[in-house]
N, C-alpha and C. Protein backbone atom coordinates (compact mmCIF):
# COMPACT_ATOMS: atom_id res chain seq x y z
N MET A 1 124.97 105.36 85.78
CA MET A 1 124.59 106.34 86.77
C MET A 1 124.63 105.68 88.15
N ALA A 2 125.13 106.40 89.13
CA ALA A 2 125.22 105.88 90.49
C ALA A 2 123.83 105.76 91.10
N LYS A 3 123.65 104.75 91.88
CA LYS A 3 122.37 104.52 92.55
C LYS A 3 122.54 104.76 94.03
N ILE A 4 121.47 105.23 94.67
CA ILE A 4 121.48 105.43 96.11
C ILE A 4 120.39 104.57 96.73
N LYS A 5 120.57 104.25 97.98
CA LYS A 5 119.58 103.46 98.69
C LYS A 5 118.64 104.41 99.42
N ILE A 6 117.34 104.15 99.33
CA ILE A 6 116.36 104.97 100.03
C ILE A 6 115.49 104.08 100.90
N SER A 7 114.78 104.71 101.81
CA SER A 7 113.88 103.98 102.69
C SER A 7 112.58 104.76 102.78
N SER A 8 111.48 104.04 102.83
CA SER A 8 110.18 104.68 102.91
C SER A 8 109.18 103.72 103.55
N LYS A 9 108.04 104.25 103.92
CA LYS A 9 106.96 103.43 104.46
C LYS A 9 105.75 103.58 103.55
N VAL A 10 105.06 102.46 103.30
CA VAL A 10 103.84 102.46 102.50
C VAL A 10 102.81 101.58 103.20
N GLU A 11 101.56 101.78 102.83
CA GLU A 11 100.50 100.93 103.36
C GLU A 11 100.72 99.50 102.89
N GLN A 12 100.39 98.54 103.74
CA GLN A 12 100.62 97.14 103.40
C GLN A 12 99.87 96.75 102.12
N SER A 13 98.64 97.23 101.95
CA SER A 13 97.88 96.89 100.75
C SER A 13 98.56 97.43 99.49
N GLU A 14 99.15 98.63 99.58
CA GLU A 14 99.86 99.18 98.43
C GLU A 14 101.12 98.36 98.13
N TRP A 15 101.81 97.94 99.18
CA TRP A 15 103.01 97.13 99.00
C TRP A 15 102.66 95.80 98.32
N GLU A 16 101.58 95.18 98.78
CA GLU A 16 101.16 93.91 98.19
C GLU A 16 100.78 94.09 96.72
N ALA A 17 100.14 95.22 96.40
CA ALA A 17 99.78 95.50 95.01
C ALA A 17 101.05 95.66 94.17
N ARG A 18 102.04 96.34 94.71
CA ARG A 18 103.31 96.52 93.98
C ARG A 18 104.01 95.18 93.78
N GLN A 19 103.96 94.33 94.78
CA GLN A 19 104.56 93.01 94.63
C GLN A 19 103.88 92.23 93.52
N SER A 20 102.57 92.31 93.46
CA SER A 20 101.83 91.62 92.40
C SER A 20 102.20 92.16 91.02
N ILE A 21 102.28 93.47 90.91
CA ILE A 21 102.65 94.09 89.64
C ILE A 21 104.05 93.67 89.23
N ALA A 22 104.96 93.68 90.18
CA ALA A 22 106.34 93.27 89.88
C ALA A 22 106.38 91.83 89.39
N TYR A 23 105.65 90.95 90.06
CA TYR A 23 105.63 89.55 89.68
C TYR A 23 105.03 89.38 88.28
N GLU A 24 103.89 90.05 88.05
CA GLU A 24 103.20 89.93 86.76
C GLU A 24 104.05 90.46 85.60
N SER A 25 104.83 91.52 85.87
CA SER A 25 105.64 92.12 84.81
C SER A 25 107.07 91.58 84.79
N LYS A 26 107.33 90.59 85.64
CA LYS A 26 108.65 89.95 85.72
C LYS A 26 109.75 90.99 85.99
N GLN A 27 109.45 91.91 86.92
CA GLN A 27 110.41 92.92 87.33
C GLN A 27 110.73 92.73 88.80
N SER A 28 111.86 93.23 89.20
CA SER A 28 112.16 93.26 90.63
C SER A 28 111.41 94.42 91.25
N ILE A 29 111.21 94.36 92.56
CA ILE A 29 110.58 95.47 93.27
C ILE A 29 111.44 96.73 93.07
N ALA A 30 112.75 96.60 93.16
CA ALA A 30 113.63 97.75 92.98
C ALA A 30 113.45 98.37 91.60
N GLY A 31 113.35 97.53 90.58
CA GLY A 31 113.15 98.03 89.22
C GLY A 31 111.82 98.74 89.07
N LEU A 32 110.79 98.16 89.67
CA LEU A 32 109.46 98.75 89.62
C LEU A 32 109.44 100.10 90.33
N LEU A 33 110.06 100.18 91.49
CA LEU A 33 110.09 101.44 92.24
C LEU A 33 110.93 102.49 91.51
N SER A 34 112.04 102.09 90.89
CA SER A 34 112.86 103.02 90.11
C SER A 34 112.06 103.59 88.95
N GLU A 35 111.31 102.72 88.29
CA GLU A 35 110.47 103.15 87.17
C GLU A 35 109.40 104.13 87.67
N ALA A 36 108.80 103.84 88.82
CA ALA A 36 107.76 104.70 89.37
C ALA A 36 108.33 106.08 89.75
N VAL A 37 109.51 106.11 90.34
CA VAL A 37 110.13 107.38 90.70
C VAL A 37 110.46 108.18 89.44
N ALA A 38 111.01 107.53 88.44
CA ALA A 38 111.34 108.22 87.19
C ALA A 38 110.08 108.78 86.53
N ASP A 39 109.01 108.02 86.54
CA ASP A 39 107.74 108.47 85.97
C ASP A 39 107.21 109.68 86.74
N TYR A 40 107.28 109.62 88.06
CA TYR A 40 106.83 110.73 88.90
C TYR A 40 107.62 112.00 88.58
N VAL A 41 108.93 111.88 88.48
CA VAL A 41 109.78 113.04 88.19
C VAL A 41 109.43 113.62 86.82
N ARG A 42 109.28 112.75 85.82
CA ARG A 42 108.92 113.23 84.47
C ARG A 42 107.61 114.00 84.50
N LYS A 43 106.60 113.46 85.18
CA LYS A 43 105.30 114.12 85.24
C LYS A 43 105.37 115.46 85.96
N ARG A 44 106.13 115.53 87.03
CA ARG A 44 106.24 116.77 87.82
C ARG A 44 107.01 117.85 87.09
N ARG A 45 107.84 117.46 86.15
CA ARG A 45 108.65 118.45 85.43
C ARG A 45 107.92 119.04 84.23
N LEU A 46 106.77 118.48 83.88
CA LEU A 46 105.98 119.04 82.78
C LEU A 46 105.42 120.39 83.19
N ARG A 47 105.19 121.23 82.22
CA ARG A 47 104.54 122.50 82.53
C ARG A 47 103.18 122.23 83.14
N PRO A 48 102.77 123.00 84.15
CA PRO A 48 101.49 122.74 84.83
C PRO A 48 100.29 122.67 83.90
N GLU A 49 100.22 123.52 82.88
CA GLU A 49 99.06 123.48 81.99
C GLU A 49 99.04 122.22 81.14
N VAL A 50 100.20 121.70 80.78
CA VAL A 50 100.27 120.45 80.02
C VAL A 50 99.79 119.31 80.91
N LEU A 51 100.24 119.29 82.15
CA LEU A 51 99.82 118.26 83.09
C LEU A 51 98.32 118.32 83.33
N SER A 52 97.77 119.51 83.41
CA SER A 52 96.33 119.67 83.60
C SER A 52 95.56 119.08 82.42
N HIS A 53 96.00 119.36 81.20
CA HIS A 53 95.35 118.80 80.02
C HIS A 53 95.47 117.28 79.99
N LEU A 54 96.63 116.76 80.38
CA LEU A 54 96.83 115.32 80.43
C LEU A 54 95.87 114.67 81.42
N GLU A 55 95.76 115.24 82.61
CA GLU A 55 94.85 114.70 83.62
C GLU A 55 93.40 114.75 83.14
N ASP A 56 93.01 115.86 82.48
CA ASP A 56 91.65 115.97 81.94
C ASP A 56 91.39 114.87 80.92
N SER A 57 92.35 114.63 80.05
CA SER A 57 92.19 113.61 79.02
C SER A 57 92.08 112.21 79.63
N ILE A 58 92.91 111.94 80.62
CA ILE A 58 92.85 110.64 81.30
C ILE A 58 91.49 110.45 81.96
N ASN A 59 91.00 111.48 82.63
CA ASN A 59 89.70 111.39 83.30
C ASN A 59 88.57 111.21 82.30
N GLU A 60 88.62 111.94 81.20
CA GLU A 60 87.57 111.85 80.18
C GLU A 60 87.56 110.49 79.50
N ASN A 61 88.70 109.83 79.43
CA ASN A 61 88.81 108.57 78.70
C ASN A 61 89.07 107.37 79.62
N GLU A 62 88.70 107.50 80.89
CA GLU A 62 88.98 106.44 81.86
C GLU A 62 88.33 105.12 81.47
N GLU A 63 87.07 105.16 81.08
CA GLU A 63 86.38 103.92 80.71
C GLU A 63 87.06 103.27 79.50
N LEU A 64 87.41 104.07 78.51
CA LEU A 64 88.10 103.54 77.34
C LEU A 64 89.42 102.90 77.74
N GLY A 65 90.15 103.53 78.64
CA GLY A 65 91.41 102.98 79.13
C GLY A 65 91.24 101.62 79.75
N TYR A 66 90.18 101.46 80.57
CA TYR A 66 89.92 100.15 81.18
C TYR A 66 89.57 99.11 80.13
N ARG A 67 88.79 99.51 79.14
CA ARG A 67 88.43 98.55 78.07
C ARG A 67 89.65 98.12 77.27
N LEU A 68 90.53 99.06 76.97
CA LEU A 68 91.73 98.74 76.19
C LEU A 68 92.71 97.90 77.00
N ALA A 69 92.69 98.04 78.31
CA ALA A 69 93.62 97.30 79.15
C ALA A 69 93.25 95.82 79.28
N LYS A 70 92.03 95.48 78.93
CA LYS A 70 91.59 94.08 79.06
C LYS A 70 92.22 93.21 78.01
């Protein structure tokens, strides 16, 4: 698939967080941003009621998510 170049501005703290994530996951910044855009598109294309249930579940299980991530 053809790739296009994009430009955007983000807060410096967010950029530094993305750099850390890229380093920790051994990904390039471009790869990390491509993954983030793809994830965003997938989430936005879900039916609104499915997305609402997903967000509710994430919120209800936030503490469990943090525990499992350790």
